[in-house]
Protein backbone atom coordinates (compact mmCIF):
# COMPACT_ATOMS: atom_id res chain seq x y z
CA MET A 1 8.54 -5.23 -23.60
CA THR A 2 10.03 -3.36 -20.63
CA LEU A 3 9.02 -3.63 -16.97
CA ILE A 4 6.97 -0.44 -17.24
CA GLU A 5 5.15 -1.80 -20.29
CA LEU A 6 4.64 -5.19 -18.65
CA ASP A 7 3.04 -3.67 -15.58
CA ARG A 8 0.79 -1.54 -17.78
CA TYR A 9 -0.30 -4.77 -19.44
CA PHE A 10 -0.99 -6.44 -16.07
CA ASN A 11 -2.99 -3.44 -14.91
CA SER A 12 -4.97 -3.23 -18.15
CA ILE A 13 -6.51 -6.52 -17.00
CA LEU A 14 -6.45 -6.20 -13.20
CA HIS A 15 -7.25 -2.46 -12.70
CA LYS A 16 -5.56 -1.72 -9.36
CA GLU A 17 -7.14 1.75 -9.39
CA ASP A 18 -10.50 0.13 -8.64
CA TYR A 19 -9.24 -1.23 -5.30
CA ASP A 20 -8.09 1.77 -3.29
CA SER A 21 -8.97 0.04 0.00
CA ASP A 22 -6.52 -2.80 -0.63
CA ILE A 23 -3.71 -2.73 1.93
CA SER A 24 -1.28 -4.20 -0.60
CA LEU A 25 0.94 -1.98 -2.72
CA ASN A 26 -0.35 -3.24 -6.06
CA GLY A 27 1.81 -2.98 -9.16
CA ILE A 28 5.60 -2.70 -9.26
CA GLN A 29 6.96 -3.17 -5.74
CA ILE A 30 10.64 -3.54 -6.67
CA SER A 31 12.04 -2.19 -9.92
CA ASN A 32 14.86 -3.59 -12.00
CA SER A 33 17.91 -1.54 -13.01
CA ALA A 34 16.31 -0.09 -16.16
CA PRO A 35 12.51 -0.31 -15.95
CA ASP A 36 11.90 1.64 -19.14
CA GLN A 37 14.72 0.09 -21.17
CA LYS A 38 15.66 -3.46 -20.15
CA PRO A 39 13.83 -6.06 -22.29
CA ILE A 40 11.68 -8.57 -20.40
CA THR A 41 12.01 -12.01 -22.00
CA LYS A 42 10.94 -14.29 -19.13
CA VAL A 43 8.48 -13.80 -16.29
CA ALA A 44 8.19 -16.01 -13.21
CA PHE A 45 4.92 -16.42 -11.31
CA ALA A 46 4.40 -17.44 -7.68
CA VAL A 47 1.85 -17.01 -4.91
CA ASP A 48 4.23 -15.38 -2.45
CA ALA A 49 7.19 -13.01 -2.67
CA CYS A 50 9.99 -14.28 -0.44
CA GLU A 51 13.70 -15.00 -0.62
CA GLN A 52 13.04 -18.49 -1.99
CA THR A 53 10.85 -17.39 -4.90
CA ALA A 54 13.14 -14.46 -5.74
CA LEU A 55 16.19 -16.72 -5.93
CA LYS A 56 14.34 -19.35 -7.96
CA ALA A 57 13.16 -16.69 -10.39
CA ALA A 58 16.74 -15.48 -10.82
CA GLU A 59 18.02 -19.05 -11.23
CA ALA A 60 15.43 -19.63 -13.96
CA GLY A 61 16.57 -16.53 -15.83
CA ALA A 62 13.42 -14.50 -15.23
CA GLN A 63 13.69 -10.71 -15.07
CA VAL A 64 10.36 -10.29 -13.24
CA LEU A 65 8.46 -12.15 -10.53
CA PHE A 66 4.67 -11.70 -10.49
CA VAL A 67 2.97 -12.64 -7.20
CA HIS A 68 -0.31 -12.44 -5.35
CA HIS A 69 1.28 -11.68 -1.97
CA GLY A 70 3.96 -9.02 -2.23
CA LEU A 71 6.34 -7.55 0.35
CA PHE A 72 4.64 -4.22 1.12
CA TRP A 73 1.33 -3.98 2.97
CA GLY A 74 0.41 -0.36 3.56
CA HIS A 75 2.76 0.58 6.39
CA CYS A 76 6.38 1.59 6.78
CA GLN A 77 8.80 -1.18 7.63
CA SER A 78 12.52 -1.08 8.29
CA ILE A 79 14.58 -2.98 5.73
CA THR A 80 16.24 -5.24 8.26
CA GLY A 81 16.24 -8.94 9.15
CA ASN A 82 14.11 -11.15 6.91
CA HIS A 83 12.67 -8.13 5.11
CA TYR A 84 16.18 -7.12 4.06
CA LYS A 85 17.02 -10.67 2.92
CA ARG A 86 13.92 -10.78 0.75
CA ILE A 87 14.44 -7.39 -0.86
CA ALA A 88 18.16 -8.03 -1.32
CA ALA A 89 17.42 -11.25 -3.23
CA PHE A 90 15.54 -9.19 -5.81
CA ILE A 91 17.95 -6.25 -6.06
CA LYS A 92 21.19 -8.27 -6.11
CA ASN A 93 19.83 -10.40 -8.98
CA ASP A 94 18.16 -7.47 -10.78
CA VAL A 95 14.78 -9.23 -10.61
CA ALA A 96 11.75 -6.94 -10.47
CA LEU A 97 8.69 -7.68 -8.33
CA CYS A 98 5.07 -7.06 -9.37
CA ALA A 99 2.27 -7.85 -6.92
CA TYR A 100 -1.50 -7.81 -7.34
CA HIS A 101 -3.57 -8.73 -4.29
CA ILE A 102 -7.32 -7.95 -4.27
CA PRO A 103 -7.30 -7.11 -8.01
CA LEU A 104 -6.23 -10.73 -8.61
CA ASP A 105 -8.79 -12.12 -6.16
CA ALA A 106 -11.68 -10.24 -7.71
CA ASN A 107 -11.03 -10.30 -11.45
CA GLU A 108 -13.92 -11.89 -13.35
CA PHE A 109 -11.67 -13.41 -16.02
CA ILE A 110 -8.47 -14.57 -14.33
CA GLY A 111 -9.15 -14.03 -10.63
CA ASN A 112 -8.76 -16.60 -7.88
CA ASN A 113 -12.46 -16.72 -7.10
CA PHE A 114 -13.95 -16.68 -10.57
CA GLY A 115 -11.22 -19.15 -11.52
CA ILE A 116 -12.34 -21.54 -8.78
CA ALA A 117 -15.96 -21.02 -9.83
CA ALA A 118 -15.04 -22.02 -13.39
CA ARG A 119 -13.03 -25.01 -12.16
CA ILE A 120 -15.92 -26.49 -10.19
CA GLY A 121 -18.40 -25.74 -12.98
CA LEU A 122 -20.54 -23.02 -11.44
CA LYS A 123 -23.09 -21.39 -13.73
CA ARG A 124 -24.79 -18.00 -13.48
CA VAL A 125 -21.70 -16.77 -11.65
CA ARG A 126 -21.86 -13.33 -10.09
CA PRO A 127 -19.70 -11.22 -7.76
CA PHE A 128 -20.05 -12.03 -4.06
CA GLY A 129 -18.55 -11.08 -0.73
CA LYS A 130 -17.44 -7.71 0.62
CA TRP A 131 -14.14 -6.86 2.31
CA ARG A 132 -13.32 -3.25 3.19
CA GLY A 133 -16.03 -2.17 0.78
CA MET A 134 -14.59 -4.19 -2.11
CA THR A 135 -16.36 -7.15 -3.74
CA LEU A 136 -13.84 -9.94 -4.21
CA GLY A 137 -15.60 -13.33 -4.32
CA ALA A 138 -17.89 -15.25 -6.64
CA SER A 139 -21.05 -17.31 -6.27
CA GLY A 140 -23.18 -19.45 -8.54
CA GLU A 141 -24.97 -22.75 -9.01
CA LEU A 142 -23.99 -26.21 -10.16
CA ASP A 143 -26.00 -27.84 -12.96
CA GLU A 144 -26.42 -30.92 -10.77
CA SER A 145 -26.27 -31.29 -7.03
CA VAL A 146 -23.20 -32.95 -5.51
CA SER A 147 -22.17 -34.21 -2.08
CA ILE A 148 -19.51 -32.44 -0.07
CA ASP A 149 -17.02 -35.13 -1.18
CA GLY A 150 -18.06 -34.54 -4.78
CA LEU A 151 -17.45 -30.81 -4.39
CA VAL A 152 -13.97 -31.49 -3.01
CA LYS A 153 -13.20 -33.55 -6.12
CA LEU A 154 -14.39 -30.73 -8.36
CA LEU A 155 -12.20 -28.28 -6.45
CA PHE A 156 -9.13 -30.51 -6.55
CA PRO A 157 -9.43 -32.78 -9.61
CA ASP A 158 -5.73 -33.69 -9.35
CA GLY A 159 -6.23 -35.20 -5.90
CA GLU A 160 -4.93 -32.45 -3.60
CA LYS A 161 -6.36 -32.63 -0.10
CA PRO A 162 -8.21 -29.69 1.46
CA ASN A 163 -6.97 -28.47 4.82
CA CYS A 164 -10.38 -28.86 6.40
CA VAL A 165 -13.89 -29.98 5.46
CA LEU A 166 -16.83 -29.02 7.68
CA PRO A 167 -19.92 -30.94 6.44
CA PHE A 168 -22.50 -29.05 8.46
CA GLY A 169 -25.00 -28.22 5.72
CA LYS A 170 -27.23 -29.88 3.16
CA LYS A 171 -26.27 -33.33 1.84
CA GLU A 172 -27.03 -32.17 -1.71
CA ILE A 173 -25.08 -29.07 -2.69
CA LYS A 174 -26.10 -26.83 -5.56
CA LYS A 175 -25.45 -23.20 -4.56
CA VAL A 176 -21.79 -22.41 -3.83
CA ALA A 177 -19.95 -19.23 -2.78
CA VAL A 178 -16.19 -18.72 -3.00
CA ILE A 179 -13.63 -16.40 -1.39
CA SER A 180 -10.07 -17.71 -1.57
CA GLY A 181 -7.35 -17.26 1.04
CA GLY A 182 -7.94 -16.26 4.65
CA ALA A 183 -11.67 -15.57 4.53
CA GLY A 184 -13.05 -18.18 6.91
CA GLU A 185 -15.13 -15.70 8.88
CA ASP A 186 -16.92 -14.66 5.70
CA PHE A 187 -18.95 -17.89 5.66
CA ILE A 188 -21.71 -15.74 7.15
CA GLN A 189 -21.97 -13.82 3.87
CA ALA A 190 -22.48 -17.13 2.07
CA VAL A 191 -25.22 -18.04 4.54
CA LYS A 192 -26.98 -14.74 3.92
CA ILE A 193 -27.28 -15.39 0.17
CA GLY A 194 -28.56 -18.93 0.70
CA SER A 195 -25.46 -20.89 -0.34
CA ASP A 196 -25.32 -24.60 0.39
CA ALA A 197 -21.53 -24.54 0.59
CA TYR A 198 -18.72 -22.05 1.01
CA ILE A 199 -15.20 -22.53 -0.36
CA THR A 200 -12.31 -20.57 1.14
CA GLY A 201 -8.65 -21.05 1.95
CA GLU A 202 -8.59 -21.33 5.71
CA VAL A 203 -10.89 -21.20 8.73
CA GLY A 204 -10.00 -20.34 12.30
CA HIS A 205 -10.73 -22.26 15.47
CA GLU A 206 -13.23 -19.60 16.45
CA ASP A 207 -15.21 -20.20 13.23
CA TYR A 208 -15.94 -23.89 13.83
CA HIS A 209 -18.96 -23.73 16.12
CA ALA A 210 -20.42 -20.72 14.32
CA ILE A 211 -20.26 -22.63 11.01
CA GLU A 212 -21.89 -25.68 12.60
CA GLU A 213 -24.64 -23.57 14.13
CA ALA A 214 -25.25 -21.81 10.82
CA GLY A 215 -25.75 -25.16 9.08
CA ILE A 216 -23.52 -24.62 6.05
CA ASN A 217 -20.90 -26.82 4.39
CA VAL A 218 -17.42 -25.28 4.33
CA ILE A 219 -14.32 -26.41 2.48
CA ALA A 220 -11.03 -24.80 3.51
CA GLY A 221 -8.88 -25.74 0.55
CA GLY A 222 -5.73 -24.09 1.89
CA HIS A 223 -4.69 -20.46 1.62
CA TYR A 224 -1.87 -21.37 -0.77
CA ASN A 225 -3.78 -23.91 -2.88
CA THR A 226 -6.78 -21.65 -3.45
CA GLU A 227 -4.55 -18.77 -4.53
CA THR A 228 -2.42 -20.53 -7.10
CA VAL A 229 -5.48 -20.26 -9.35
CA GLY A 230 -5.32 -16.60 -10.34
CA VAL A 231 -1.53 -16.54 -10.60
CA LYS A 232 -1.57 -19.46 -13.05
CA LEU A 233 -4.39 -17.90 -15.06
CA MET A 234 -2.43 -14.64 -15.32
CA GLN A 235 0.61 -16.66 -16.41
CA LYS A 236 -1.42 -18.38 -19.12
CA ARG A 237 -2.92 -15.07 -20.27
CA LEU A 238 0.48 -13.36 -20.57
CA LYS A 239 1.92 -16.22 -22.60
CA GLU A 240 -1.07 -16.23 -24.95
CA ASP A 241 -1.26 -12.45 -25.35
CA LYS A 242 2.43 -11.54 -25.57
CA GLY A 243 4.30 -14.78 -26.29
CA ILE A 244 6.67 -14.14 -23.39
CA GLU A 245 8.30 -17.20 -21.79
CA THR A 246 6.92 -17.91 -18.32
CA ILE A 247 7.54 -20.22 -15.38
CA PHE A 248 5.49 -21.05 -12.29
CA ILE A 249 7.46 -21.38 -9.06
CA ASP A 250 5.69 -23.76 -6.71
CA ALA A 251 6.54 -22.94 -3.09
CA PRO A 252 3.69 -24.45 -1.06
CA THR A 253 3.29 -23.57 2.60
CA GLY A 254 0.90 -26.39 3.50
CA LEU A 255 -1.42 -23.74 4.94
């Protein structure tokens, strides 16, 4: 499998063409030296493209790094400073970069939000939450009501700690909405559909009082922690479908 063929495989699942309003440059962001010839035998996965993850991918012997947050976001940028260092780490090591942003948030099989919904055991899951005209989240119901602490344990069964818990809603939680990453302000969309709790990555200072006044429980699990989900599911899917060796590069930001 070449880089061109690999990206066709990724897009056969993620369908970047359905997300024209995404500001990310989805797909191949940095090529390797022979995208239609060089065999791909190992693929690294990470949340973020940066110098660290590029160098770790190269050290691990991967020819491609697949990420959720790439290096190009819909505007021209001079290749200087940190931007140069990041791009140079890929080119000097002949490591290609593939990035899928909203397509990886929204996917109903391996996306961040449907992945979180599956992890916490939501049933009757359906698409939820608009951003720039695109639906990217998920919502559903638990079989049995849980407390806010119980929902945190479902979200992080391995004991990770959320960045913030705002227990401003019902004591018994059954209806839950999810948008990973930096979607704190979108709690209002969860309120509008009658959710008892909203799971996201991060909330801003300006959201606190509005969330309290709206009377909804909010868990900010961390931008990074909530967006490892889709990347790892894509990694698992590639290994199962194509038998290609993979590695996950953990580079947490604490945010």
